[in-house]
Amino acid sequence: MNKKILIIDDEIEMVEMLDRFFTLKNFDTITSTSGENILDLISKEPDIILLDINMPEIDGFEVCKSIRNKTNAPILFLTARNSESDKVKGLMLGAEDYIVKPFSLNELYARVYTNLQREERKLEGSDSLEIDYGARTVKYNGEEIVMTKTEFDILELLSLNPNMVFDKDRIYDSLWSYDSFGDSAVIAEHIRKIRMKIKKFTEEEYISTVWGIGYKWIG
């Protein structure tokens, strides 16, 4: 079955070019020049989303924010905005990639392909790790992975916000408070211990490091 790709960009020529390209690559394409009807678009269950940032009425950041918890499809920003702050913002809103225009179609296809492959690998083992938020337990294939209170708090924060990037300061402030005494650097050590405990049961990666930014739950 062909994969479905949703393309949203207010430049008609860009949409038409990407539509032709991905059709030739055997994708079923869904296209729009606006993000205003985004809920109708994602109801068609795309496997991956290409999203422009600079659009009238509602920009790509707002579109991403509004749908991140409504679809597990990878979101790839396509934009002429190449500042580090925009890239960080896009990734922290839950996008999987950020591609600056102009770009190579072959590179774009490689990134689309890589993200789709990653999703397929996740689905193959997606229900082995069980998190019971009420009982505050973590299990893998029914066997409990013992977590400390702080480790579970971090895992809970990340897993309830899949694909959103949290830097160490944001994790620290979310779990404790702005006026707490302590150092956000301890977050890296807690993340390391969580990974070590999970790794005793599986090689599957659940917490991903976004280098130079922070961490995200691969959901």
C-alpha atoms as a PDB file:
ATOM      1  CA  MET A   1       0.000   0.000   0.000  1.00  0.00           C
ATOM      2  CA  ASN A   2       1.299   3.450  -0.898  1.00  0.00           C
ATOM      3  CA  LYS A   3       2.273   5.820   1.900  1.00  0.00           C
ATOM      4  CA  LYS A   4       0.227   9.014   2.235  1.00  0.00           C
ATOM      5  CA  ILE A   5       2.070  12.316   2.379  1.00  0.00           C
ATOM      6  CA  LEU A   6       0.389  15.596   3.357  1.00  0.00           C
ATOM      7  CA  ILE A   7       1.960  18.698   1.783  1.00  0.00           C
ATOM      8  CA  ILE A   8       1.005  22.136   3.133  1.00  0.00           C
ATOM      9  CA  ASP A   9       2.591  25.240   1.608  1.00  0.00           C
ATOM     10  CA  ASP A  10       1.096  28.550   0.505  1.00  0.00           C
ATOM     11  CA  GLU A  11       3.333  28.599  -2.611  1.00  0.00           C
ATOM     12  CA  ILE A  12       1.251  26.914  -5.310  1.00  0.00           C
ATOM     13  CA  GLU A  13       4.325  26.160  -7.445  1.00  0.00           C
ATOM     14  CA  MET A  14       6.014  24.430  -4.519  1.00  0.00           C
ATOM     15  CA  VAL A  15       2.935  22.326  -3.779  1.00  0.00           C
ATOM     16  CA  GLU A  16       2.601  21.306  -7.438  1.00  0.00           C
ATOM     17  CA  MET A  17       6.291  20.389  -7.677  1.00  0.00           C
ATOM     18  CA  LEU A  18       6.228  18.277  -4.528  1.00  0.00           C
ATOM     19  CA  ASP A  19       2.934  16.697  -5.580  1.00  0.00           C
ATOM     20  CA  ARG A  20       4.460  15.561  -8.891  1.00  0.00           C
ATOM     21  CA  PHE A  21       7.699  14.402  -7.277  1.00  0.00           C
ATOM     22  CA  PHE A  22       6.129  12.276  -4.557  1.00  0.00           C
ATOM     23  CA  THR A  23       3.504  10.883  -6.929  1.00  0.00           C
ATOM     24  CA  LEU A  24       6.387   9.605  -9.067  1.00  0.00           C
ATOM     25  CA  LYS A  25       7.814   8.053  -5.893  1.00  0.00           C
ATOM     26  CA  ASN A  26       4.529   6.115  -5.489  1.00  0.00           C
ATOM     27  CA  PHE A  27       3.093   8.202  -2.650  1.00  0.00           C
ATOM     28  CA  ASP A  28      -0.565   9.112  -2.352  1.00  0.00           C
ATOM     29  CA  THR A  29      -0.485  12.888  -1.970  1.00  0.00           C
ATOM     30  CA  ILE A  30      -2.786  15.187  -0.022  1.00  0.00           C
ATOM     31  CA  THR A  31      -2.149  18.870  -0.693  1.00  0.00           C
ATOM     32  CA  SER A  32      -3.221  22.235   0.666  1.00  0.00           C
ATOM     33  CA  THR A  33      -2.083  25.851   0.401  1.00  0.00           C
ATOM     34  CA  SER A  34      -3.335  26.670   3.909  1.00  0.00           C
ATOM     35  CA  GLY A  35      -3.315  25.165   7.367  1.00  0.00           C
ATOM     36  CA  GLU A  36      -6.779  26.475   8.195  1.00  0.00           C
ATOM     37  CA  ASN A  37      -8.450  23.135   7.387  1.00  0.00           C
ATOM     38  CA  ILE A  38      -5.773  21.081   9.149  1.00  0.00           C
ATOM     39  CA  LEU A  39      -8.172  18.885  11.144  1.00  0.00           C
ATOM     40  CA  ASP A  40      -9.933  17.818   7.947  1.00  0.00           C
ATOM     41  CA  LEU A  41      -6.546  17.108   6.352  1.00  0.00           C
ATOM     42  CA  ILE A  42      -5.207  14.917   9.143  1.00  0.00           C
ATOM     43  CA  SER A  43      -8.516  13.027   9.262  1.00  0.00           C
ATOM     44  CA  LYS A  44      -7.256  11.471   6.016  1.00  0.00           C
ATOM     45  CA  GLU A  45      -4.539   9.859   8.148  1.00  0.00           C
ATOM     46  CA  PRO A  46      -1.329  10.872   6.377  1.00  0.00           C
ATOM     47  CA  ASP A  47       1.778   8.852   7.164  1.00  0.00           C
ATOM     48  CA  ILE A  48       4.020  11.938   7.055  1.00  0.00           C
ATOM     49  CA  ILE A  49       3.514  15.715   6.858  1.00  0.00           C
ATOM     50  CA  LEU A  50       5.531  18.380   5.030  1.00  0.00           C
ATOM     51  CA  LEU A  51       4.680  21.758   6.526  1.00  0.00           C
ATOM     52  CA  ASP A  52       5.661  25.283   5.534  1.00  0.00           C
ATOM     53  CA  ILE A  53       6.084  27.867   8.299  1.00  0.00           C
ATOM     54  CA  ASN A  54       5.419  31.192   6.550  1.00  0.00           C
ATOM     55  CA  MET A  55       1.722  30.985   5.713  1.00  0.00           C
ATOM     56  CA  PRO A  56      -1.026  33.604   6.064  1.00  0.00           C
ATOM     57  CA  GLU A  57      -3.808  33.321   8.638  1.00  0.00           C
ATOM     58  CA  ILE A  58      -2.194  30.457  10.575  1.00  0.00           C
ATOM     59  CA  ASP A  59       1.534  29.749  10.372  1.00  0.00           C
ATOM     60  CA  GLY A  60       3.235  26.369  10.426  1.00  0.00           C
ATOM     61  CA  PHE A  61       4.216  26.619  14.084  1.00  0.00           C
ATOM     62  CA  GLU A  62       0.577  27.024  15.094  1.00  0.00           C
ATOM     63  CA  VAL A  63      -0.477  24.189  12.799  1.00  0.00           C
ATOM     64  CA  CYS A  64       2.148  21.896  14.323  1.00  0.00           C
ATOM     65  CA  LYS A  65       1.131  22.840  17.852  1.00  0.00           C
ATOM     66  CA  SER A  66      -2.543  22.174  17.121  1.00  0.00           C
ATOM     67  CA  ILE A  67      -2.041  18.688  15.681  1.00  0.00           C
ATOM     68  CA  ARG A  68       0.989  17.252  17.483  1.00  0.00           C
ATOM     69  CA  ASN A  69      -1.148  15.328  19.963  1.00  0.00           C
ATOM     70  CA  LYS A  70      -3.715  14.368  17.318  1.00  0.00           C
ATOM     71  CA  THR A  71      -1.438  12.471  14.932  1.00  0.00           C
ATOM     72  CA  ASN A  72       1.686  10.357  15.240  1.00  0.00           C
ATOM     73  CA  ALA A  73       2.739  11.184  11.685  1.00  0.00           C
ATOM     74  CA  PRO A  74       6.238  12.698  11.499  1.00  0.00           C
ATOM     75  CA  ILE A  75       6.166  16.435  10.777  1.00  0.00           C
ATOM     76  CA  LEU A  76       8.929  17.923   8.619  1.00  0.00           C
ATOM     77  CA  PHE A  77       9.108  21.708   8.375  1.00  0.00           C
ATOM     78  CA  LEU A  78       9.990  23.147   4.944  1.00  0.00           C
ATOM     79  CA  THR A  79      10.902  26.794   5.288  1.00  0.00           C
ATOM     80  CA  ALA A  80      13.077  29.672   4.154  1.00  0.00           C
ATOM     81  CA  ARG A  81      13.597  30.645   7.801  1.00  0.00           C
ATOM     82  CA  ASN A  82      17.017  29.356   8.773  1.00  0.00           C
ATOM     83  CA  SER A  83      17.644  30.923  12.178  1.00  0.00           C
ATOM     84  CA  GLU A  84      18.655  28.658  15.043  1.00  0.00           C
ATOM     85  CA  SER A  85      15.816  29.993  17.185  1.00  0.00           C
ATOM     86  CA  ASP A  86      13.213  29.001  14.570  1.00  0.00           C
ATOM     87  CA  LYS A  87      14.740  25.539  14.263  1.00  0.00           C
ATOM     88  CA  VAL A  88      14.743  25.072  18.033  1.00  0.00           C
ATOM     89  CA  LYS A  89      11.140  26.268  18.249  1.00  0.00           C
ATOM     90  CA  GLY A  90      10.026  23.866  15.512  1.00  0.00           C
ATOM     91  CA  LEU A  91      11.716  20.870  17.129  1.00  0.00           C
ATOM     92  CA  MET A  92      10.395  21.736  20.574  1.00  0.00           C
ATOM     93  CA  LEU A  93       6.863  21.858  19.174  1.00  0.00           C
ATOM     94  CA  GLY A  94       7.299  18.229  18.156  1.00  0.00           C
ATOM     95  CA  ALA A  95       8.514  18.293  14.558  1.00  0.00           C
ATOM     96  CA  GLU A  96      10.909  15.526  13.542  1.00  0.00           C
ATOM     97  CA  ASP A  97      12.944  17.564  11.054  1.00  0.00           C
ATOM     98  CA  TYR A  98      13.551  21.094   9.787  1.00  0.00           C
ATOM     99  CA  ILE A  99      14.554  21.559   6.138  1.00  0.00           C
ATOM    100  CA  VAL A 100      15.611  24.971   4.823  1.00  0.00           C
ATOM    101  CA  LYS A 101      14.615  26.141   1.336  1.00  0.00           C
ATOM    102  CA  PRO A 102      15.993  25.826  -1.267  1.00  0.00           C
ATOM    103  CA  PHE A 103      16.596  22.117  -0.830  1.00  0.00           C
ATOM    104  CA  SER A 104      17.483  19.116  -2.959  1.00  0.00           C
ATOM    105  CA  LEU A 105      14.512  16.904  -3.797  1.00  0.00           C
ATOM    106  CA  ASN A 106      16.725  13.861  -3.354  1.00  0.00           C
ATOM    107  CA  GLU A 107      17.734  15.016   0.118  1.00  0.00           C
ATOM    108  CA  LEU A 108      14.096  15.708   0.989  1.00  0.00           C
ATOM    109  CA  TYR A 109      13.118  12.224  -0.190  1.00  0.00           C
ATOM    110  CA  ALA A 110      15.918  10.694   1.899  1.00  0.00           C
ATOM    111  CA  ARG A 111      14.658  12.490   4.995  1.00  0.00           C
ATOM    112  CA  VAL A 112      11.058  11.465   4.328  1.00  0.00           C
ATOM    113  CA  TYR A 113      12.153   7.862   3.780  1.00  0.00           C
ATOM    114  CA  THR A 114      14.271   7.833   6.964  1.00  0.00           C
ATOM    115  CA  ASN A 115      11.428   9.157   9.106  1.00  0.00           C
ATOM    116  CA  LEU A 116       8.966   6.631   7.684  1.00  0.00           C
ATOM    117  CA  GLN A 117      11.413   3.788   8.340  1.00  0.00           C
ATOM    118  CA  ARG A 118      11.829   4.975  11.923  1.00  0.00           C
ATOM    119  CA  GLU A 119       8.050   4.966  12.394  1.00  0.00           C
ATOM    120  CA  GLU A 120       7.793   1.411  11.094  1.00  0.00           C
ATOM    121  CA  ARG A 121      10.482   0.218  13.503  1.00  0.00           C
ATOM    122  CA  LYS A 122       8.666   1.888  16.401  1.00  0.00           C
ATOM    123  CA  LEU A 123       5.378   0.219  15.495  1.00  0.00           C
ATOM    124  CA  GLU A 124       6.952  -3.228  15.477  1.00  0.00           C
ATOM    125  CA  GLY A 125       7.645  -3.005  19.202  1.00  0.00           C
ATOM    126  CA  SER A 126       5.319  -0.229  20.227  1.00  0.00           C
ATOM    127  CA  ASP A 127       3.285  -2.086  22.866  1.00  0.00           C
ATOM    128  CA  SER A 128       6.076  -3.838  24.788  1.00  0.00           C
ATOM    129  CA  LEU A 129       6.692  -0.947  27.196  1.00  0.00           C
ATOM    130  CA  GLU A 130       3.726  -0.253  29.474  1.00  0.00           C
ATOM    131  CA  ILE A 131       3.426   2.885  31.592  1.00  0.00           C
ATOM    132  CA  ASP A 132       0.691   2.953  34.231  1.00  0.00           C
ATOM    133  CA  TYR A 133       0.454   6.605  35.257  1.00  0.00           C
ATOM    134  CA  GLY A 134      -2.035   5.939  38.045  1.00  0.00           C
ATOM    135  CA  ALA A 135       0.014   3.193  39.679  1.00  0.00           C
ATOM    136  CA  ARG A 136       3.243   4.957  38.657  1.00  0.00           C
ATOM    137  CA  THR A 137       4.778   1.770  37.300  1.00  0.00           C
ATOM    138  CA  VAL A 138       6.749   0.905  34.185  1.00  0.00           C
ATOM    139  CA  LYS A 139       6.732  -2.614  32.757  1.00  0.00           C
ATOM    140  CA  TYR A 140       8.303  -4.334  29.782  1.00  0.00           C
ATOM    141  CA  ASN A 141       6.508  -7.479  28.617  1.00  0.00           C
ATOM    142  CA  GLY A 142       4.837  -7.597  32.019  1.00  0.00           C
ATOM    143  CA  GLU A 143       8.050  -7.342  34.050  1.00  0.00           C
ATOM    144  CA  GLU A 144       8.408  -4.227  36.188  1.00  0.00           C
ATOM    145  CA  ILE A 145      11.232  -1.756  35.606  1.00  0.00           C
ATOM    146  CA  VAL A 146      11.765  -0.162  39.013  1.00  0.00           C
ATOM    147  CA  MET A 147      12.033   3.629  38.837  1.00  0.00           C
ATOM    148  CA  THR A 148      12.702   6.177  41.569  1.00  0.00           C
ATOM    149  CA  LYS A 149      10.128   8.934  42.064  1.00  0.00           C
ATOM    150  CA  THR A 150      12.240  11.456  40.141  1.00  0.00           C
ATOM    151  CA  GLU A 151      12.955   9.015  37.310  1.00  0.00           C
ATOM    152  CA  PHE A 152       9.253   8.269  36.923  1.00  0.00           C
ATOM    153  CA  ASP A 153       8.419  11.991  37.041  1.00  0.00           C
ATOM    154  CA  ILE A 154      10.806  12.644  34.139  1.00  0.00           C
ATOM    155  CA  LEU A 155       9.563   9.640  32.171  1.00  0.00           C
ATOM    156  CA  GLU A 156       5.965  10.733  32.763  1.00  0.00           C
ATOM    157  CA  LEU A 157       6.631  14.292  31.549  1.00  0.00           C
ATOM    158  CA  LEU A 158       8.360  13.145  28.367  1.00  0.00           C
ATOM    159  CA  SER A 159       6.024  10.269  27.487  1.00  0.00           C
ATOM    160  CA  LEU A 160       2.876  12.358  27.953  1.00  0.00           C
ATOM    161  CA  ASN A 161       4.308  14.842  25.438  1.00  0.00           C
ATOM    162  CA  PRO A 162       5.621  12.581  22.656  1.00  0.00           C
ATOM    163  CA  ASN A 163       7.944  14.165  20.083  1.00  0.00           C
ATOM    164  CA  MET A 164       8.165  17.447  22.005  1.00  0.00           C
ATOM    165  CA  VAL A 165      11.713  18.504  22.871  1.00  0.00           C
ATOM    166  CA  PHE A 166      12.438  19.527  26.467  1.00  0.00           C
ATOM    167  CA  ASP A 167      15.725  21.126  27.450  1.00  0.00           C
ATOM    168  CA  LYS A 168      17.219  20.334  30.872  1.00  0.00           C
ATOM    169  CA  ASP A 169      16.072  23.611  32.414  1.00  0.00           C
ATOM    170  CA  ARG A 170      12.501  23.080  31.241  1.00  0.00           C
ATOM    171  CA  ILE A 171      12.415  19.541  32.655  1.00  0.00           C
ATOM    172  CA  TYR A 172      13.855  20.774  35.959  1.00  0.00           C
ATOM    173  CA  ASP A 173      11.381  23.649  36.232  1.00  0.00           C
ATOM    174  CA  SER A 174       8.434  21.405  35.271  1.00  0.00           C
ATOM    175  CA  LEU A 175       9.236  18.869  37.989  1.00  0.00           C
ATOM    176  CA  TRP A 176      10.246  21.247  40.734  1.00  0.00           C
ATOM    177  CA  SER A 177       9.947  25.033  40.599  1.00  0.00           C
ATOM    178  CA  TYR A 178      11.733  28.125  39.425  1.00  0.00           C
ATOM    179  CA  ASP A 179      12.828  29.036  42.961  1.00  0.00           C
ATOM    180  CA  SER A 180      14.039  25.528  43.921  1.00  0.00           C
ATOM    181  CA  PHE A 181      17.598  25.017  44.988  1.00  0.00           C
ATOM    182  CA  GLY A 182      19.433  22.686  42.666  1.00  0.00           C
ATOM    183  CA  ASP A 183      21.050  22.312  39.282  1.00  0.00           C
ATOM    184  CA  SER A 184      19.347  21.312  36.035  1.00  0.00           C
ATOM    185  CA  ALA A 185      22.543  19.423  35.147  1.00  0.00           C
ATOM    186  CA  VAL A 186      21.281  16.556  37.324  1.00  0.00           C
ATOM    187  CA  ILE A 187      18.621  15.906  34.666  1.00  0.00           C
ATOM    188  CA  ALA A 188      21.214  14.368  32.335  1.00  0.00           C
ATOM    189  CA  GLU A 189      22.188  11.884  35.050  1.00  0.00           C
ATOM    190  CA  HIS A 190      18.558  10.932  35.690  1.00  0.00           C
ATOM    191  CA  ILE A 191      18.029  10.422  31.945  1.00  0.00           C
ATOM    192  CA  ARG A 192      21.117   8.216  31.825  1.00  0.00           C
ATOM    193  CA  LYS A 193      19.788   6.044  34.665  1.00  0.00           C
ATOM    194  CA  ILE A 194      16.338   5.740  33.049  1.00  0.00           C
ATOM    195  CA  ARG A 195      17.943   4.607  29.795  1.00  0.00           C
ATOM    196  CA  MET A 196      20.168   2.082  31.611  1.00  0.00           C
ATOM    197  CA  LYS A 197      17.177   0.560  33.394  1.00  0.00           C
ATOM    198  CA  ILE A 198      15.169   0.232  30.178  1.00  0.00           C
ATOM    199  CA  LYS A 199      18.197  -1.102  28.294  1.00  0.00           C
ATOM    200  CA  LYS A 200      18.324  -4.112  30.631  1.00  0.00           C
ATOM    201  CA  PHE A 201      15.059  -5.196  28.990  1.00  0.00           C
ATOM    202  CA  THR A 202      15.290  -3.901  25.420  1.00  0.00           C
ATOM    203  CA  GLU A 203      17.561  -2.118  22.960  1.00  0.00           C
ATOM    204  CA  GLU A 204      14.589  -0.045  21.785  1.00  0.00           C
ATOM    205  CA  GLU A 205      15.242   3.676  22.235  1.00  0.00           C
ATOM    206  CA  TYR A 206      12.431   5.603  23.910  1.00  0.00           C
ATOM    207  CA  ILE A 207      14.200   8.796  24.974  1.00  0.00           C
ATOM    208  CA  SER A 208      16.072  10.525  22.177  1.00  0.00           C
ATOM    209  CA  THR A 209      18.762  13.168  22.631  1.00  0.00           C
ATOM    210  CA  VAL A 210      18.305  16.201  20.385  1.00  0.00           C
ATOM    211  CA  TRP A 211      21.891  17.392  20.397  1.00  0.00           C
ATOM    212  CA  GLY A 212      22.396  20.930  21.634  1.00  0.00           C
ATOM    213  CA  ILE A 213      18.740  21.233  22.664  1.00  0.00           C
ATOM    214  CA  GLY A 214      17.462  18.536  24.997  1.00  0.00           C
ATOM    215  CA  TYR A 215      15.451  15.317  25.089  1.00  0.00           C
ATOM    216  CA  LYS A 216      12.245  13.960  23.623  1.00  0.00           C
ATOM    217  CA  TRP A 217      10.111  10.832  23.942  1.00  0.00           C
ATOM    218  CA  ILE A 218       9.931   8.943  20.664  1.00  0.00           C
ATOM    219  CA  GLY A 219       6.184   8.490  20.357  1.00  0.00           C
END
